[in-house]
């Protein structure tokens, strides 16, 4: 399983960023895809998830209405559109591929830093 995130960076409060995660090495359409973030010293937080069906999504309460997750099975890529960013969104964002039935999948990307600051 290979997952490569991109799109992180520095943005001002209220701004927007779109993260991308390019996947390979597994049957992309069969796995749920998740974005998880982590701040140093804190546990990882599930931000958003999309099932194998693009209409099956869920979000952390802290990002509902501001973030959107989508997937393109043809491009084997998952996206996280982040709007109205706040300083508390600052974290390393990780892409995670997960399938709990055989063949089990649990892959992680290297992470991309998002910093929200003026």
PDB file of N, CA and C in Angstrom:
ATOM      1  N   UNK A   1       0.855  -1.191   0.000  1.00  0.00           N
ATOM      2  CA  UNK A   1       0.000   0.000   0.000  1.00  0.00           C
ATOM      3  C   UNK A   1       0.887   1.236   0.000  1.00  0.00           C
ATOM      4  N   UNK A   2       0.640   2.121  -0.929  1.00  0.00           N
ATOM      5  CA  UNK A   2       1.362   3.394  -0.964  1.00  0.00           C
ATOM      6  C   UNK A   2       0.369   4.537  -1.019  1.00  0.00           C
ATOM      7  N   UNK A   3       0.561   5.492  -0.127  1.00  0.00           N
ATOM      8  CA  UNK A   3      -0.279   6.666  -0.062  1.00  0.00           C
ATOM      9  C   UNK A   3       0.619   7.885   0.007  1.00  0.00           C
ATOM     10  N   UNK A   4       0.410   8.833  -0.887  1.00  0.00           N
ATOM     11  CA  UNK A   4       1.258  10.020  -0.949  1.00  0.00           C
ATOM     12  C   UNK A   4       0.371  11.248  -0.861  1.00  0.00           C
ATOM     13  N   UNK A   5       0.511  11.975   0.250  1.00  0.00           N
ATOM     14  CA  UNK A   5      -0.267  13.193   0.449  1.00  0.00           C
ATOM     15  C   UNK A   5       0.450  14.387  -0.161  1.00  0.00           C
ATOM     16  N   UNK A   6      -0.339  15.374  -0.542  1.00  0.00           N
ATOM     17  CA  UNK A   6       0.198  16.644  -1.020  1.00  0.00           C
ATOM     18  C   UNK A   6      -0.837  17.733  -0.769  1.00  0.00           C
ATOM     19  N   UNK A   7      -0.384  18.978  -0.889  1.00  0.00           N
ATOM     20  CA  UNK A   7      -1.299  20.101  -0.786  1.00  0.00           C
ATOM     21  C   UNK A   7      -1.258  20.866   0.519  1.00  0.00           C
ATOM     22  N   UNK A   8      -0.463  20.387   1.474  1.00  0.00           N
ATOM     23  CA  UNK A   8      -0.362  21.122   2.734  1.00  0.00           C
ATOM     24  C   UNK A   8       0.411  22.417   2.564  1.00  0.00           C
ATOM     25  N   UNK A   9       0.409  23.211   3.627  1.00  0.00           N
ATOM     26  CA  UNK A   9       1.144  24.465   3.580  1.00  0.00           C
ATOM     27  C   UNK A   9       0.669  25.426   4.638  1.00  0.00           C
ATOM     28  N   UNK A  10       1.067  26.671   4.462  1.00  0.00           N
ATOM     29  CA  UNK A  10       0.711  27.749   5.378  1.00  0.00           C
ATOM     30  C   UNK A  10      -0.438  28.554   4.785  1.00  0.00           C
ATOM     31  N   UNK A  11      -1.459  28.777   5.582  1.00  0.00           N
ATOM     32  CA  UNK A  11      -2.618  29.536   5.117  1.00  0.00           C
ATOM     33  C   UNK A  11      -3.111  30.413   6.251  1.00  0.00           C
ATOM     34  N   UNK A  12      -3.681  31.550   5.898  1.00  0.00           N
ATOM     35  CA  UNK A  12      -4.210  32.458   6.906  1.00  0.00           C
ATOM     36  C   UNK A  12      -5.563  31.960   7.415  1.00  0.00           C
ATOM     37  N   UNK A  13      -5.910  32.325   8.631  1.00  0.00           N
ATOM     38  CA  UNK A  13      -7.249  31.978   9.128  1.00  0.00           C
ATOM     39  C   UNK A  13      -8.324  32.438   8.163  1.00  0.00           C
ATOM     40  N   UNK A  14      -9.304  31.573   7.949  1.00  0.00           N
ATOM     41  CA  UNK A  14     -10.368  31.867   6.998  1.00  0.00           C
ATOM     42  C   UNK A  14     -10.074  31.397   5.591  1.00  0.00           C
ATOM     43  N   UNK A  15      -8.848  30.975   5.362  1.00  0.00           N
ATOM     44  CA  UNK A  15      -8.455  30.531   4.028  1.00  0.00           C
ATOM     45  C   UNK A  15      -8.845  29.090   3.742  1.00  0.00           C
ATOM     46  N   UNK A  16      -8.411  28.622   2.583  1.00  0.00           N
ATOM     47  CA  UNK A  16      -8.749  27.276   2.118  1.00  0.00           C
ATOM     48  C   UNK A  16      -7.517  26.535   1.627  1.00  0.00           C
ATOM     49  N   UNK A  17      -7.571  25.237   1.752  1.00  0.00           N
ATOM     50  CA  UNK A  17      -6.569  24.351   1.192  1.00  0.00           C
ATOM     51  C   UNK A  17      -7.250  23.078   0.732  1.00  0.00           C
ATOM     52  N   UNK A  18      -6.671  22.451  -0.272  1.00  0.00           N
ATOM     53  CA  UNK A  18      -7.136  21.136  -0.693  1.00  0.00           C
ATOM     54  C   UNK A  18      -5.980  20.146  -0.597  1.00  0.00           C
ATOM     55  N   UNK A  19      -6.180  19.110   0.196  1.00  0.00           N
ATOM     56  CA  UNK A  19      -5.192  18.039   0.300  1.00  0.00           C
ATOM     57  C   UNK A  19      -5.554  16.930  -0.669  1.00  0.00           C
ATOM     58  N   UNK A  20      -4.538  16.312  -1.228  1.00  0.00           N
ATOM     59  CA  UNK A  20      -4.722  15.165  -2.110  1.00  0.00           C
ATOM     60  C   UNK A  20      -3.945  13.978  -1.568  1.00  0.00           C
ATOM     61  N   UNK A  21      -4.449  12.806  -1.829  1.00  0.00           N
ATOM     62  CA  UNK A  21      -3.760  11.579  -1.433  1.00  0.00           C
ATOM     63  C   UNK A  21      -3.831  10.613  -2.605  1.00  0.00           C
ATOM     64  N   UNK A  22      -2.684  10.380  -3.239  1.00  0.00           N
ATOM     65  CA  UNK A  22      -2.603   9.460  -4.369  1.00  0.00           C
ATOM     66  C   UNK A  22      -2.294   8.068  -3.848  1.00  0.00           C
ATOM     67  N   UNK A  23      -3.127   7.104  -4.222  1.00  0.00           N
ATOM     68  CA  UNK A  23      -3.012   5.749  -3.682  1.00  0.00           C
ATOM     69  C   UNK A  23      -2.589   4.761  -4.760  1.00  0.00           C
ATOM     70  N   UNK A  24      -1.862   3.743  -4.337  1.00  0.00           N
ATOM     71  CA  UNK A  24      -1.477   2.657  -5.237  1.00  0.00           C
ATOM     72  C   UNK A  24      -1.160   1.412  -4.417  1.00  0.00           C
ATOM     73  N   UNK A  25      -1.106   0.288  -5.107  1.00  0.00           N
ATOM     74  CA  UNK A  25      -0.702  -0.955  -4.457  1.00  0.00           C
ATOM     75  C   UNK A  25      -1.843  -1.753  -3.863  1.00  0.00           C
ATOM     76  N   UNK A  26      -3.061  -1.303  -4.049  1.00  0.00           N
ATOM     77  CA  UNK A  26      -4.215  -2.052  -3.555  1.00  0.00           C
ATOM     78  C   UNK A  26      -5.431  -1.678  -4.403  1.00  0.00           C
ATOM     79  N   UNK A  27      -6.514  -2.411  -4.217  1.00  0.00           N
ATOM     80  CA  UNK A  27      -7.737  -2.121  -4.971  1.00  0.00           C
ATOM     81  C   UNK A  27      -8.428  -0.931  -4.318  1.00  0.00           C
ATOM     82  N   UNK A  28      -8.157   0.233  -4.859  1.00  0.00           N
ATOM     83  CA  UNK A  28      -8.572   1.487  -4.236  1.00  0.00           C
ATOM     84  C   UNK A  28     -10.073   1.527  -3.970  1.00  0.00           C
ATOM     85  N   UNK A  29     -10.857   1.106  -4.938  1.00  0.00           N
ATOM     86  CA  UNK A  29     -12.309   1.274  -4.823  1.00  0.00           C
ATOM     87  C   UNK A  29     -12.904   0.402  -3.718  1.00  0.00           C
ATOM     88  N   UNK A  30     -12.152  -0.575  -3.226  1.00  0.00           N
ATOM     89  CA  UNK A  30     -12.669  -1.461  -2.192  1.00  0.00           C
ATOM     90  C   UNK A  30     -12.365  -0.991  -0.778  1.00  0.00           C
ATOM     91  N   UNK A  31     -11.613   0.073  -0.652  1.00  0.00           N
ATOM     92  CA  UNK A  31     -11.183   0.532   0.674  1.00  0.00           C
ATOM     93  C   UNK A  31     -11.862   1.838   1.055  1.00  0.00           C
ATOM     94  N   UNK A  32     -12.160   1.960   2.332  1.00  0.00           N
ATOM     95  CA  UNK A  32     -12.565   3.254   2.860  1.00  0.00           C
ATOM     96  C   UNK A  32     -11.315   4.126   2.972  1.00  0.00           C
ATOM     97  N   UNK A  33     -11.482   5.404   2.754  1.00  0.00           N
ATOM     98  CA  UNK A  33     -10.354   6.329   2.830  1.00  0.00           C
ATOM     99  C   UNK A  33     -10.647   7.365   3.905  1.00  0.00           C
ATOM    100  N   UNK A  34      -9.618   7.654   4.701  1.00  0.00           N
ATOM    101  CA  UNK A  34      -9.807   8.553   5.825  1.00  0.00           C
ATOM    102  C   UNK A  34      -8.694   9.589   5.869  1.00  0.00           C
ATOM    103  N   UNK A  35      -9.009  10.739   6.411  1.00  0.00           N
ATOM    104  CA  UNK A  35      -8.015  11.764   6.738  1.00  0.00           C
ATOM    105  C   UNK A  35      -7.989  11.871   8.266  1.00  0.00           C
ATOM    106  N   UNK A  36      -6.797  11.766   8.780  1.00  0.00           N
ATOM    107  CA  UNK A  36      -6.573  11.801  10.222  1.00  0.00           C
ATOM    108  C   UNK A  36      -5.515  12.862  10.488  1.00  0.00           C
ATOM    109  N   UNK A  37      -5.682  13.646  11.526  1.00  0.00           N
ATOM    110  CA  UNK A  37      -4.680  14.668  11.825  1.00  0.00           C
ATOM    111  C   UNK A  37      -4.111  14.473  13.220  1.00  0.00           C
ATOM    112  N   UNK A  38      -2.922  15.003  13.383  1.00  0.00           N
ATOM    113  CA  UNK A  38      -2.251  14.867  14.677  1.00  0.00           C
ATOM    114  C   UNK A  38      -1.463  16.113  15.003  1.00  0.00           C
ATOM    115  N   UNK A  39      -1.638  16.566  16.217  1.00  0.00           N
ATOM    116  CA  UNK A  39      -0.861  17.668  16.773  1.00  0.00           C
ATOM    117  C   UNK A  39       0.146  17.061  17.737  1.00  0.00           C
ATOM    118  N   UNK A  40       1.389  17.532  17.743  1.00  0.00           N
ATOM    119  CA  UNK A  40       2.386  16.967  18.668  1.00  0.00           C
ATOM    120  C   UNK A  40       1.883  16.926  20.104  1.00  0.00           C
ATOM    121  N   UNK A  41       2.017  15.771  20.723  1.00  0.00           N
ATOM    122  CA  UNK A  41       1.592  15.618  22.100  1.00  0.00           C
ATOM    123  C   UNK A  41       0.145  15.233  22.276  1.00  0.00           C
ATOM    124  N   UNK A  42      -0.576  15.133  21.166  1.00  0.00           N
ATOM    125  CA  UNK A  42      -1.987  14.755  21.236  1.00  0.00           C
ATOM    126  C   UNK A  42      -2.238  13.507  20.404  1.00  0.00           C
ATOM    127  N   UNK A  43      -3.349  12.849  20.666  1.00  0.00           N
ATOM    128  CA  UNK A  43      -3.705  11.670  19.900  1.00  0.00           C
ATOM    129  C   UNK A  43      -4.191  12.058  18.507  1.00  0.00           C
ATOM    130  N   UNK A  44      -4.075  11.108  17.605  1.00  0.00           N
ATOM    131  CA  UNK A  44      -4.588  11.344  16.268  1.00  0.00           C
ATOM    132  C   UNK A  44      -6.101  11.495  16.313  1.00  0.00           C
ATOM    133  N   UNK A  45      -6.608  12.380  15.469  1.00  0.00           N
ATOM    134  CA  UNK A  45      -8.037  12.667  15.404  1.00  0.00           C
ATOM    135  C   UNK A  45      -8.556  12.348  14.006  1.00  0.00           C
ATOM    136  N   UNK A  46      -9.606  11.549  13.917  1.00  0.00           N
ATOM    137  CA  UNK A  46     -10.230  11.296  12.631  1.00  0.00           C
ATOM    138  C   UNK A  46     -10.956  12.557  12.190  1.00  0.00           C
ATOM    139  N   UNK A  47     -10.582  13.077  11.044  1.00  0.00           N
ATOM    140  CA  UNK A  47     -11.166  14.319  10.531  1.00  0.00           C
ATOM    141  C   UNK A  47     -12.338  14.011   9.606  1.00  0.00           C
ATOM    142  N   UNK A  48     -12.115  13.116   8.653  1.00  0.00           N
ATOM    143  CA  UNK A  48     -13.144  12.805   7.662  1.00  0.00           C
ATOM    144  C   UNK A  48     -12.890  11.426   7.087  1.00  0.00           C
ATOM    145  N   UNK A  49     -13.970  10.804   6.637  1.00  0.00           N
ATOM    146  CA  UNK A  49     -13.862   9.479   6.036  1.00  0.00           C
ATOM    147  C   UNK A  49     -14.874   9.351   4.908  1.00  0.00           C
ATOM    148  N   UNK A  50     -14.494   8.571   3.912  1.00  0.00           N
ATOM    149  CA  UNK A  50     -15.403   8.272   2.808  1.00  0.00           C
ATOM    150  C   UNK A  50     -15.332   6.777   2.545  1.00  0.00           C
ATOM    151  N   UNK A  51     -16.500   6.140   2.441  1.00  0.00           N
ATOM    152  CA  UNK A  51     -16.539   4.722   2.171  1.00  0.00           C
ATOM    153  C   UNK A  51     -16.247   4.427   0.704  1.00  0.00           C
ATOM    154  N   UNK A  52     -16.405   3.174   0.352  1.00  0.00           N
ATOM    155  CA  UNK A  52     -16.155   2.793  -1.035  1.00  0.00           C
ATOM    156  C   UNK A  52     -17.144   3.488  -1.964  1.00  0.00           C
ATOM    157  N   UNK A  53     -18.290   3.808  -1.413  1.00  0.00           N
ATOM    158  CA  UNK A  53     -19.256   4.626  -2.136  1.00  0.00           C
ATOM    159  C   UNK A  53     -19.053   6.078  -1.762  1.00  0.00           C
ATOM    160  N   UNK A  54     -18.937   6.923  -2.729  1.00  0.00           N
ATOM    161  CA  UNK A  54     -18.597   8.321  -2.482  1.00  0.00           C
ATOM    162  C   UNK A  54     -19.637   9.062  -1.655  1.00  0.00           C
ATOM    163  N   UNK A  55     -20.870   8.530  -1.574  1.00  0.00           N
ATOM    164  CA  UNK A  55     -21.897   9.230  -0.805  1.00  0.00           C
ATOM    165  C   UNK A  55     -21.897   8.819   0.663  1.00  0.00           C
ATOM    166  N   UNK A  56     -20.992   7.965   1.037  1.00  0.00           N
ATOM    167  CA  UNK A  56     -20.894   7.494   2.419  1.00  0.00           C
ATOM    168  C   UNK A  56     -19.754   8.239   3.096  1.00  0.00           C
ATOM    169  N   UNK A  57     -20.068   9.355   3.713  1.00  0.00           N
ATOM    170  CA  UNK A  57     -19.035  10.186   4.331  1.00  0.00           C
ATOM    171  C   UNK A  57     -19.373  10.483   5.783  1.00  0.00           C
ATOM    172  N   UNK A  58     -18.346  10.788   6.547  1.00  0.00           N
ATOM    173  CA  UNK A  58     -18.552  11.270   7.895  1.00  0.00           C
ATOM    174  C   UNK A  58     -17.434  12.229   8.259  1.00  0.00           C
ATOM    175  N   UNK A  59     -17.738  13.107   9.214  1.00  0.00           N
ATOM    176  CA  UNK A  59     -16.814  14.162   9.584  1.00  0.00           C
ATOM    177  C   UNK A  59     -16.780  14.330  11.089  1.00  0.00           C
ATOM    178  N   UNK A  60     -15.633  14.763  11.583  1.00  0.00           N
ATOM    179  CA  UNK A  60     -15.542  15.163  12.976  1.00  0.00           C
ATOM    180  C   UNK A  60     -16.413  16.391  13.193  1.00  0.00           C
ATOM    181  N   UNK A  61     -16.989  16.506  14.363  1.00  0.00           N
ATOM    182  CA  UNK A  61     -17.845  17.660  14.655  1.00  0.00           C
ATOM    183  C   UNK A  61     -17.095  18.973  14.461  1.00  0.00           C
ATOM    184  N   UNK A  62     -15.815  18.957  14.734  1.00  0.00           N
ATOM    185  CA  UNK A  62     -15.017  20.183  14.667  1.00  0.00           C
ATOM    186  C   UNK A  62     -14.845  20.710  13.250  1.00  0.00           C
ATOM    187  N   UNK A  63     -15.113  19.872  12.233  1.00  0.00           N
ATOM    188  CA  UNK A  63     -14.898  20.315  10.854  1.00  0.00           C
ATOM    189  C   UNK A  63     -16.164  20.272  10.016  1.00  0.00           C
ATOM    190  N   UNK A  64     -17.270  19.812  10.593  1.00  0.00           N
ATOM    191  CA  UNK A  64     -18.524  19.737   9.835  1.00  0.00           C
ATOM    192  C   UNK A  64     -18.908  21.100   9.289  1.00  0.00           C
ATOM    193  N   UNK A  65     -19.300  21.100   8.020  1.00  0.00           N
ATOM    194  CA  UNK A  65     -19.687  22.340   7.373  1.00  0.00           C
ATOM    195  C   UNK A  65     -18.531  23.125   6.792  1.00  0.00           C
ATOM    196  N   UNK A  66     -17.289  22.718   7.137  1.00  0.00           N
ATOM    197  CA  UNK A  66     -16.118  23.435   6.629  1.00  0.00           C
ATOM    198  C   UNK A  66     -15.271  22.555   5.714  1.00  0.00           C
ATOM    199  N   UNK A  67     -15.228  21.267   6.006  1.00  0.00           N
ATOM    200  CA  UNK A  67     -14.398  20.340   5.227  1.00  0.00           C
ATOM    201  C   UNK A  67     -15.281  19.429   4.388  1.00  0.00           C
ATOM    202  N   UNK A  68     -14.753  19.041   3.229  1.00  0.00           N
ATOM    203  CA  UNK A  68     -15.416  18.090   2.354  1.00  0.00           C
ATOM    204  C   UNK A  68     -14.418  17.023   1.943  1.00  0.00           C
ATOM    205  N   UNK A  69     -14.849  15.773   1.976  1.00  0.00           N
ATOM    206  CA  UNK A  69     -13.998  14.683   1.511  1.00  0.00           C
ATOM    207  C   UNK A  69     -14.613  14.093   0.252  1.00  0.00           C
ATOM    208  N   UNK A  70     -13.763  13.758  -0.704  1.00  0.00           N
ATOM    209  CA  UNK A  70     -14.236  13.146  -1.936  1.00  0.00           C
ATOM    210  C   UNK A  70     -13.182  12.183  -2.456  1.00  0.00           C
ATOM    211  N   UNK A  71     -13.593  11.297  -3.329  1.00  0.00           N
ATOM    212  CA  UNK A  71     -12.672  10.341  -3.916  1.00  0.00           C
ATOM    213  C   UNK A  71     -12.945  10.213  -5.401  1.00  0.00           C
ATOM    214  N   UNK A  72     -11.869   9.953  -6.135  1.00  0.00           N
ATOM    215  CA  UNK A  72     -11.942   9.703  -7.564  1.00  0.00           C
ATOM    216  C   UNK A  72     -11.364   8.312  -7.790  1.00  0.00           C
ATOM    217  N   UNK A  73     -12.225   7.336  -7.944  1.00  0.00           N
ATOM    218  CA  UNK A  73     -11.738   5.956  -8.068  1.00  0.00           C
ATOM    219  C   UNK A  73     -10.937   5.742  -9.353  1.00  0.00           C
ATOM    220  N   UNK A  74     -11.256   6.494 -10.394  1.00  0.00           N
ATOM    221  CA  UNK A  74     -10.506   6.367 -11.646  1.00  0.00           C
ATOM    222  C   UNK A  74      -9.067   6.847 -11.482  1.00  0.00           C
ATOM    223  N   UNK A  75      -8.884   7.879 -10.663  1.00  0.00           N
ATOM    224  CA  UNK A  75      -7.546   8.424 -10.419  1.00  0.00           C
ATOM    225  C   UNK A  75      -6.917   7.857  -9.149  1.00  0.00           C
ATOM    226  N   UNK A  76      -7.624   6.983  -8.470  1.00  0.00           N
ATOM    227  CA  UNK A  76      -7.196   6.413  -7.172  1.00  0.00           C
ATOM    228  C   UNK A  76      -6.662   7.505  -6.247  1.00  0.00           C
ATOM    229  N   UNK A  77      -7.458   8.524  -6.091  1.00  0.00           N
ATOM    230  CA  UNK A  77      -7.060   9.685  -5.294  1.00  0.00           C
ATOM    231  C   UNK A  77      -8.225  10.105  -4.397  1.00  0.00           C
ATOM    232  N   UNK A  78      -7.885  10.499  -3.178  1.00  0.00           N
ATOM    233  CA  UNK A  78      -8.881  11.048  -2.264  1.00  0.00           C
ATOM    234  C   UNK A  78      -8.476  12.477  -1.932  1.00  0.00           C
ATOM    235  N   UNK A  79      -9.463  13.316  -1.744  1.00  0.00           N
ATOM    236  CA  UNK A  79      -9.230  14.738  -1.515  1.00  0.00           C
ATOM    237  C   UNK A  79      -9.874  15.183  -0.204  1.00  0.00           C
ATOM    238  N   UNK A  80      -9.281  16.210   0.368  1.00  0.00           N
ATOM    239  CA  UNK A  80      -9.886  16.862   1.520  1.00  0.00           C
ATOM    240  C   UNK A  80      -9.893  18.358   1.231  1.00  0.00           C
ATOM    241  N   UNK A  81     -11.069  18.878   0.970  1.00  0.00           N
ATOM    242  CA  UNK A  81     -11.238  20.312   0.746  1.00  0.00           C
ATOM    243  C   UNK A  81     -11.500  20.960   2.098  1.00  0.00           C
ATOM    244  N   UNK A  82     -10.636  21.891   2.473  1.00  0.00           N
ATOM    245  CA  UNK A  82     -10.739  22.534   3.778  1.00  0.00           C
ATOM    246  C   UNK A  82     -10.997  24.025   3.584  1.00  0.00           C
ATOM    247  N   UNK A  83     -12.132  24.479   4.065  1.00  0.00           N
ATOM    248  CA  UNK A  83     -12.508  25.881   3.970  1.00  0.00           C
ATOM    249  C   UNK A  83     -12.620  26.495   5.363  1.00  0.00           C
ATOM    250  N   UNK A  84     -12.629  27.808   5.403  1.00  0.00           N
ATOM    251  CA  UNK A  84     -12.777  28.538   6.670  1.00  0.00           C
ATOM    252  C   UNK A  84     -11.828  27.989   7.731  1.00  0.00           C
ATOM    253  N   UNK A  85     -10.586  27.857   7.356  1.00  0.00           N
ATOM    254  CA  UNK A  85      -9.611  27.238   8.250  1.00  0.00           C
ATOM    255  C   UNK A  85      -9.368  28.086   9.492  1.00  0.00           C
ATOM    256  N   UNK A  86      -9.128  27.383  10.595  1.00  0.00           N
ATOM    257  CA  UNK A  86      -8.903  28.021  11.880  1.00  0.00           C
ATOM    258  C   UNK A  86      -7.516  27.622  12.398  1.00  0.00           C
ATOM    259  N   UNK A  87      -6.945  28.417  13.281  1.00  0.00           N
ATOM    260  CA  UNK A  87      -5.631  28.044  13.848  1.00  0.00           C
ATOM    261  C   UNK A  87      -5.644  26.648  14.476  1.00  0.00           C
ATOM    262  N   UNK A  88      -6.766  26.252  15.036  1.00  0.00           N
ATOM    263  CA  UNK A  88      -6.841  24.922  15.665  1.00  0.00           C
ATOM    264  C   UNK A  88      -6.875  23.773  14.657  1.00  0.00           C
ATOM    265  N   UNK A  89      -6.941  24.097  13.377  1.00  0.00           N
ATOM    266  CA  UNK A  89      -6.826  23.063  12.348  1.00  0.00           C
ATOM    267  C   UNK A  89      -5.366  22.733  12.046  1.00  0.00           C
ATOM    268  N   UNK A  90      -4.456  23.494  12.616  1.00  0.00           N
ATOM    269  CA  UNK A  90      -3.036  23.249  12.406  1.00  0.00           C
ATOM    270  C   UNK A  90      -2.661  21.866  12.913  1.00  0.00           C
ATOM    271  N   UNK A  91      -2.065  21.062  12.037  1.00  0.00           N
ATOM    272  CA  UNK A  91      -1.709  19.688  12.379  1.00  0.00           C
ATOM    273  C   UNK A  91      -1.000  19.051  11.189  1.00  0.00           C
ATOM    274  N   UNK A  92      -0.476  17.869  11.407  1.00  0.00           N
ATOM    275  CA  UNK A  92      -0.038  17.025  10.299  1.00  0.00           C
ATOM    276  C   UNK A  92      -1.242  16.170   9.897  1.00  0.00           C
ATOM    277  N   UNK A  93      -1.557  16.198   8.623  1.00  0.00           N
ATOM    278  CA  UNK A  93      -2.704  15.457   8.117  1.00  0.00           C
ATOM    279  C   UNK A  93      -2.206  14.189   7.406  1.00  0.00           C
ATOM    280  N   UNK A  94      -2.786  13.071   7.809  1.00  0.00           N
ATOM    281  CA  UNK A  94      -2.408  11.772   7.253  1.00  0.00           C
ATOM    282  C   UNK A  94      -3.575  11.164   6.487  1.00  0.00           C
ATOM    283  N   UNK A  95      -3.241  10.527   5.402  1.00  0.00           N
ATOM    284  CA  UNK A  95      -4.197   9.762   4.626  1.00  0.00           C
ATOM    285  C   UNK A  95      -4.132   8.303   5.090  1.00  0.00           C
ATOM    286  N   UNK A  96      -5.296   7.679   5.226  1.00  0.00           N
ATOM    287  CA  UNK A  96      -5.355   6.290   5.692  1.00  0.00           C
ATOM    288  C   UNK A  96      -6.313   5.510   4.805  1.00  0.00           C
ATOM    289  N   UNK A  97      -5.858   4.361   4.347  1.00  0.00           N
ATOM    290  CA  UNK A  97      -6.701   3.433   3.590  1.00  0.00           C
ATOM    291  C   UNK A  97      -7.071   2.277   4.503  1.00  0.00           C
ATOM    292  N   UNK A  98      -8.349   1.928   4.526  1.00  0.00           N
ATOM    293  CA  UNK A  98      -8.765   0.901   5.489  1.00  0.00           C
ATOM    294  C   UNK A  98      -9.826  -0.008   4.879  1.00  0.00           C
ATOM    295  N   UNK A  99      -9.582  -1.293   5.096  1.00  0.00           N
ATOM    296  CA  UNK A  99     -10.566  -2.304   4.728  1.00  0.00           C
ATOM    297  C   UNK A  99     -10.500  -3.368   5.807  1.00  0.00           C
ATOM    298  N   UNK A 100     -11.605  -3.643   6.445  1.00  0.00           N
ATOM    299  CA  UNK A 100     -11.593  -4.552   7.583  1.00  0.00           C
ATOM    300  C   UNK A 100     -11.929  -5.985   7.216  1.00  0.00           C
ATOM    301  N   UNK A 101     -12.411  -6.210   5.999  1.00  0.00           N
ATOM    302  CA  UNK A 101     -12.659  -7.581   5.548  1.00  0.00           C
ATOM    303  C   UNK A 101     -11.532  -8.001   4.629  1.00  0.00           C
ATOM    304  N   UNK A 102     -11.377  -9.289   4.446  1.00  0.00           N
ATOM    305  CA  UNK A 102     -10.263  -9.793   3.631  1.00  0.00           C
ATOM    306  C   UNK A 102     -10.389  -9.332   2.186  1.00  0.00           C
ATOM    307  N   UNK A 103      -9.308  -8.907   1.576  1.00  0.00           N
ATOM    308  CA  UNK A 103      -7.978  -8.700   2.162  1.00  0.00           C
ATOM    309  C   UNK A 103      -7.941  -7.418   3.001  1.00  0.00           C
ATOM    310  N   UNK A 104      -7.481  -7.558   4.232  1.00  0.00           N
ATOM    311  CA  UNK A 104      -7.422  -6.427   5.153  1.00  0.00           C
ATOM    312  C   UNK A 104      -6.409  -5.403   4.657  1.00  0.00           C
ATOM    313  N   UNK A 105      -6.787  -4.143   4.757  1.00  0.00           N
ATOM    314  CA  UNK A 105      -5.920  -3.036   4.361  1.00  0.00           C
ATOM    315  C   UNK A 105      -5.877  -2.025   5.500  1.00  0.00           C
ATOM    316  N   UNK A 106      -4.693  -1.579   5.825  1.00  0.00           N
ATOM    317  CA  UNK A 106      -4.537  -0.489   6.793  1.00  0.00           C
ATOM    318  C   UNK A 106      -3.228   0.216   6.472  1.00  0.00           C
ATOM    319  N   UNK A 107      -3.282   1.134   5.523  1.00  0.00           N
ATOM    320  CA  UNK A 107      -2.095   1.837   5.083  1.00  0.00           C
ATOM    321  C   UNK A 107      -2.137   3.303   5.429  1.00  0.00           C
ATOM    322  N   UNK A 108      -0.935   3.881   5.609  1.00  0.00           N
ATOM    323  CA  UNK A 108      -0.819   5.278   6.011  1.00  0.00           C
ATOM    324  C   UNK A 108       0.174   5.998   5.105  1.00  0.00           C
ATOM    325  N   UNK A 109      -0.125   7.246   4.839  1.00  0.00           N
ATOM    326  CA  UNK A 109       0.820   8.095   4.137  1.00  0.00           C
ATOM    327  C   UNK A 109       1.815   8.698   5.097  1.00  0.00           C
ATOM    328  N   UNK A 110       2.710   9.515   4.565  1.00  0.00           N
ATOM    329  CA  UNK A 110       3.769  10.107   5.378  1.00  0.00           C
ATOM    330  C   UNK A 110       3.318  11.376   6.084  1.00  0.00           C
ATOM    331  N   UNK A 111       2.182  11.905   5.688  1.00  0.00           N
ATOM    332  CA  UNK A 111       1.633  13.098   6.313  1.00  0.00           C
ATOM    333  C   UNK A 111       2.029  14.372   5.592  1.00  0.00           C
ATOM    334  N   UNK A 112       1.179  15.367   5.716  1.00  0.00           N
ATOM    335  CA  UNK A 112       1.469  16.687   5.152  1.00  0.00           C
ATOM    336  C   UNK A 112       1.075  17.739   6.185  1.00  0.00           C
ATOM    337  N   UNK A 113       1.947  18.710   6.364  1.00  0.00           N
ATOM    338  CA  UNK A 113       1.733  19.725   7.401  1.00  0.00           C
ATOM    339  C   UNK A 113       0.783  20.806   6.907  1.00  0.00           C
ATOM    340  N   UNK A 114      -0.196  21.109   7.738  1.00  0.00           N
ATOM    341  CA  UNK A 114      -1.090  22.240   7.502  1.00  0.00           C
ATOM    342  C   UNK A 114      -0.924  23.193   8.673  1.00  0.00           C
ATOM    343  N   UNK A 115      -0.588  24.433   8.356  1.00  0.00           N
ATOM    344  CA  UNK A 115      -0.413  25.460   9.381  1.00  0.00           C
ATOM    345  C   UNK A 115      -1.344  26.622   9.073  1.00  0.00           C
ATOM    346  N   UNK A 116      -2.192  26.941  10.025  1.00  0.00           N
ATOM    347  CA  UNK A 116      -3.132  28.052   9.867  1.00  0.00           C
ATOM    348  C   UNK A 116      -2.697  29.159  10.816  1.00  0.00           C
ATOM    349  N   UNK A 117      -2.185  30.231  10.244  1.00  0.00           N
ATOM    350  CA  UNK A 117      -1.629  31.297  11.069  1.00  0.00           C
ATOM    351  C   UNK A 117      -1.598  32.596  10.276  1.00  0.00           C
ATOM    352  N   UNK A 118      -1.760  33.695  10.987  1.00  0.00           N
ATOM    353  CA  UNK A 118      -1.655  34.995  10.340  1.00  0.00           C
ATOM    354  C   UNK A 118      -0.236  35.537  10.468  1.00  0.00           C
TER     355      UNK A 118
END
